[in-house]
Amino acid sequence: MSAHCMLTGARPGFGNRVSHSHRRTSRRFDPNIQTKRYWLPSEGRYIRLRLSTKGIRTVDAIGVEAAVARIRARGVKV
């Protein structure tokens, strides 16, 4: 599964590991992705979302209905 947030769109960042001798090798900075289950009252069912921790805080602030509307507006199937 790809490490990206369904709500915020956060994706891995890329950079370099730098050793003691200063040799550089490629690395990834993955976002903190969590799978969370929410009750969606309008559809009478639970939905499972893959969100970053910032995305979880956003759902807590705006509500699950508004968050699902934003996710669907981005073209992601819920």
N, C-alpha and C. Protein backbone atom coordinates (compact mmCIF):
# COMPACT_ATOMS: atom_id res chain seq x y z
N MET A 1 0.84 -1.19 0.00
CA MET A 1 0.00 0.00 0.00
C MET A 1 0.87 1.24 0.00
N SER A 2 0.45 2.24 -0.74
CA SER A 2 1.24 3.45 -0.79
C SER A 2 1.05 4.25 0.49
N ALA A 3 2.10 4.92 0.89
CA ALA A 3 2.08 5.69 2.13
C ALA A 3 1.61 7.10 1.83
N HIS A 4 0.28 7.26 1.64
CA HIS A 4 -0.24 8.61 1.46
C HIS A 4 -1.56 8.75 2.20
N CYS A 5 -1.87 9.98 2.59
CA CYS A 5 -3.07 10.29 3.36
C CYS A 5 -4.22 10.57 2.41
N MET A 6 -5.38 9.97 2.68
CA MET A 6 -6.54 10.16 1.81
C MET A 6 -7.09 11.59 1.91
N LEU A 7 -6.91 12.26 3.05
CA LEU A 7 -7.49 13.59 3.26
C LEU A 7 -6.52 14.71 2.89
N THR A 8 -5.34 14.67 3.45
CA THR A 8 -4.40 15.78 3.24
C THR A 8 -3.53 15.57 1.99
N GLY A 9 -3.43 14.33 1.51
CA GLY A 9 -2.60 14.05 0.35
C GLY A 9 -1.12 13.98 0.67
N ALA A 10 -0.78 13.87 1.96
CA ALA A 10 0.63 13.79 2.35
C ALA A 10 1.26 12.54 1.76
N ARG A 11 2.40 12.70 1.12
CA ARG A 11 3.12 11.58 0.50
C ARG A 11 4.55 11.56 1.03
N PRO A 12 5.27 10.48 0.77
CA PRO A 12 6.65 10.42 1.25
C PRO A 12 7.51 11.53 0.66
N GLY A 13 8.42 12.03 1.49
CA GLY A 13 9.44 12.95 1.03
C GLY A 13 10.72 12.16 0.80
N PHE A 14 11.59 12.66 -0.02
CA PHE A 14 12.82 11.94 -0.33
C PHE A 14 14.02 12.79 0.01
N GLY A 15 15.09 12.12 0.41
CA GLY A 15 16.31 12.82 0.76
C GLY A 15 17.48 11.86 0.77
N ASN A 16 18.50 12.20 1.52
CA ASN A 16 19.69 11.39 1.59
C ASN A 16 20.03 11.02 3.02
N ARG A 17 20.49 9.76 3.20
CA ARG A 17 21.17 9.40 4.44
C ARG A 17 22.61 9.87 4.27
N VAL A 18 23.18 10.42 5.31
CA VAL A 18 24.57 10.88 5.23
C VAL A 18 25.35 10.14 6.31
N SER A 19 26.30 9.32 5.89
CA SER A 19 27.07 8.52 6.83
C SER A 19 28.14 9.38 7.50
N HIS A 20 28.86 8.76 8.41
CA HIS A 20 29.94 9.46 9.10
C HIS A 20 31.00 9.93 8.12
N SER A 21 31.24 9.13 7.08
CA SER A 21 32.24 9.52 6.08
C SER A 21 31.66 10.46 5.03
N HIS A 22 30.41 10.85 5.22
CA HIS A 22 29.69 11.80 4.37
C HIS A 22 29.29 11.23 3.02
N ARG A 23 29.20 9.89 2.92
CA ARG A 23 28.65 9.27 1.71
C ARG A 23 27.14 9.40 1.77
N ARG A 24 26.51 9.65 0.63
CA ARG A 24 25.07 9.87 0.60
C ARG A 24 24.37 8.71 -0.11
N THR A 25 23.30 8.21 0.52
CA THR A 25 22.45 7.21 -0.08
C THR A 25 21.00 7.67 0.06
N SER A 26 20.18 7.22 -0.85
CA SER A 26 18.79 7.69 -0.90
C SER A 26 17.96 7.13 0.25
N ARG A 27 17.00 7.89 0.72
CA ARG A 27 16.08 7.44 1.76
C ARG A 27 14.73 8.09 1.58
N ARG A 28 13.72 7.57 2.31
CA ARG A 28 12.36 8.10 2.26
C ARG A 28 11.95 8.59 3.64
N PHE A 29 11.23 9.70 3.68
CA PHE A 29 10.61 10.18 4.90
C PHE A 29 9.11 9.92 4.76
N ASP A 30 8.63 8.81 5.33
CA ASP A 30 7.22 8.45 5.20
C ASP A 30 6.36 9.23 6.18
N PRO A 31 5.16 9.65 5.77
CA PRO A 31 4.24 10.28 6.71
C PRO A 31 3.71 9.24 7.70
N ASN A 32 3.26 9.69 8.85
CA ASN A 32 2.76 8.79 9.90
C ASN A 32 1.32 8.40 9.54
N ILE A 33 1.17 7.33 8.76
CA ILE A 33 -0.14 6.89 8.27
C ILE A 33 -0.76 5.90 9.24
N GLN A 34 -2.01 6.15 9.61
CA GLN A 34 -2.77 5.28 10.50
C GLN A 34 -4.07 4.89 9.80
N THR A 35 -4.55 3.68 10.06
CA THR A 35 -5.85 3.26 9.56
C THR A 35 -6.86 3.49 10.67
N LYS A 36 -7.92 4.24 10.37
CA LYS A 36 -8.91 4.58 11.39
C LYS A 36 -10.30 4.34 10.85
N ARG A 37 -11.18 3.83 11.72
CA ARG A 37 -12.54 3.51 11.33
C ARG A 37 -13.48 4.57 11.91
N TYR A 38 -14.34 5.12 11.07
CA TYR A 38 -15.29 6.15 11.48
C TYR A 38 -16.70 5.69 11.12
N TRP A 39 -17.67 6.10 11.95
CA TRP A 39 -19.08 5.87 11.66
C TRP A 39 -19.57 7.01 10.78
N LEU A 40 -20.16 6.67 9.64
CA LEU A 40 -20.68 7.66 8.71
C LEU A 40 -22.20 7.64 8.82
N PRO A 41 -22.79 8.55 9.60
CA PRO A 41 -24.23 8.49 9.87
C PRO A 41 -25.10 8.63 8.62
N SER A 42 -24.68 9.44 7.65
CA SER A 42 -25.51 9.66 6.46
C SER A 42 -25.70 8.39 5.64
N GLU A 43 -24.71 7.49 5.68
CA GLU A 43 -24.81 6.24 4.93
C GLU A 43 -25.10 5.04 5.82
N GLY A 44 -25.11 5.26 7.14
CA GLY A 44 -25.41 4.19 8.08
C GLY A 44 -24.40 3.06 8.08
N ARG A 45 -23.12 3.40 7.90
CA ARG A 45 -22.08 2.36 7.86
C ARG A 45 -20.76 2.93 8.37
N TYR A 46 -19.85 2.01 8.67
CA TYR A 46 -18.51 2.40 9.03
C TYR A 46 -17.67 2.53 7.76
N ILE A 47 -16.71 3.45 7.81
CA ILE A 47 -15.74 3.57 6.72
C ILE A 47 -14.35 3.49 7.33
N ARG A 48 -13.43 2.94 6.58
CA ARG A 48 -12.05 2.80 7.04
C ARG A 48 -11.19 3.74 6.21
N LEU A 49 -10.52 4.67 6.88
CA LEU A 49 -9.71 5.68 6.19
C LEU A 49 -8.24 5.52 6.55
N ARG A 50 -7.36 5.71 5.58
CA ARG A 50 -5.92 5.73 5.81
C ARG A 50 -5.50 7.19 5.88
N LEU A 51 -5.24 7.66 7.10
CA LEU A 51 -4.98 9.08 7.34
C LEU A 51 -3.64 9.28 8.03
N SER A 52 -3.04 10.42 7.76
CA SER A 52 -1.88 10.85 8.54
C SER A 52 -2.42 11.36 9.87
N THR A 53 -1.54 11.53 10.84
CA THR A 53 -1.99 12.02 12.15
C THR A 53 -2.56 13.43 12.02
N LYS A 54 -2.03 14.23 11.11
CA LYS A 54 -2.61 15.55 10.86
C LYS A 54 -4.01 15.41 10.27
N GLY A 55 -4.22 14.41 9.41
CA GLY A 55 -5.54 14.15 8.84
C GLY A 55 -6.54 13.73 9.90
N ILE A 56 -6.10 12.95 10.88
CA ILE A 56 -6.99 12.54 11.98
C ILE A 56 -7.42 13.75 12.79
N ARG A 57 -6.49 14.66 13.07
CA ARG A 57 -6.84 15.88 13.80
C ARG A 57 -7.79 16.75 12.98
N THR A 58 -7.63 16.76 11.67
CA THR A 58 -8.53 17.52 10.80
C THR A 58 -9.94 16.95 10.86
N VAL A 59 -10.07 15.62 10.82
CA VAL A 59 -11.40 14.99 10.92
C VAL A 59 -12.03 15.33 12.26
N ASP A 60 -11.24 15.33 13.33
CA ASP A 60 -11.77 15.69 14.65
C ASP A 60 -12.28 17.13 14.67
N ALA A 61 -11.63 18.01 13.92
CA ALA A 61 -12.00 19.42 13.94
C ALA A 61 -13.22 19.71 13.05
N ILE A 62 -13.26 19.15 11.83
CA ILE A 62 -14.33 19.51 10.89
C ILE A 62 -15.47 18.51 10.85
N GLY A 63 -15.24 17.31 11.39
CA GLY A 63 -16.28 16.28 11.38
C GLY A 63 -16.08 15.31 10.24
N VAL A 64 -16.61 14.11 10.42
CA VAL A 64 -16.38 13.03 9.45
C VAL A 64 -17.13 13.29 8.14
N GLU A 65 -18.31 13.89 8.20
CA GLU A 65 -19.09 14.15 6.96
C GLU A 65 -18.34 15.12 6.05
N ALA A 66 -17.84 16.21 6.62
CA ALA A 66 -17.10 17.20 5.82
C ALA A 66 -15.79 16.61 5.31
N ALA A 67 -15.15 15.78 6.12
CA ALA A 67 -13.89 15.16 5.70
C ALA A 67 -14.12 14.22 4.54
N VAL A 68 -15.19 13.42 4.59
CA VAL A 68 -15.49 12.49 3.50
C VAL A 68 -15.84 13.27 2.23
N ALA A 69 -16.52 14.40 2.38
CA ALA A 69 -16.83 15.23 1.22
C ALA A 69 -15.54 15.75 0.57
N ARG A 70 -14.56 16.15 1.38
CA ARG A 70 -13.27 16.62 0.85
C ARG A 70 -12.52 15.48 0.16
N ILE A 71 -12.57 14.29 0.76
CA ILE A 71 -11.86 13.15 0.18
C ILE A 71 -12.48 12.80 -1.17
N ARG A 72 -13.81 12.79 -1.23
CA ARG A 72 -14.48 12.47 -2.50
C ARG A 72 -14.23 13.56 -3.54
N ALA A 73 -14.10 14.81 -3.11
CA ALA A 73 -13.81 15.90 -4.04
C ALA A 73 -12.43 15.73 -4.67
N ARG A 74 -11.51 15.09 -3.95
CA ARG A 74 -10.18 14.82 -4.49
C ARG A 74 -10.19 13.65 -5.46
N GLY A 75 -11.33 12.96 -5.55
CA GLY A 75 -11.47 11.83 -6.47
C GLY A 75 -11.10 10.49 -5.89
N VAL A 76 -11.03 10.41 -4.56
CA VAL A 76 -10.69 9.14 -3.90
C VAL A 76 -11.97 8.42 -3.54
N LYS A 77 -12.03 7.13 -3.82
CA LYS A 77 -13.23 6.33 -3.52
C LYS A 77 -13.24 5.99 -2.04
N VAL A 78 -14.40 6.21 -1.38
CA VAL A 78 -14.55 5.89 0.04
C VAL A 78 -15.57 4.81 0.19
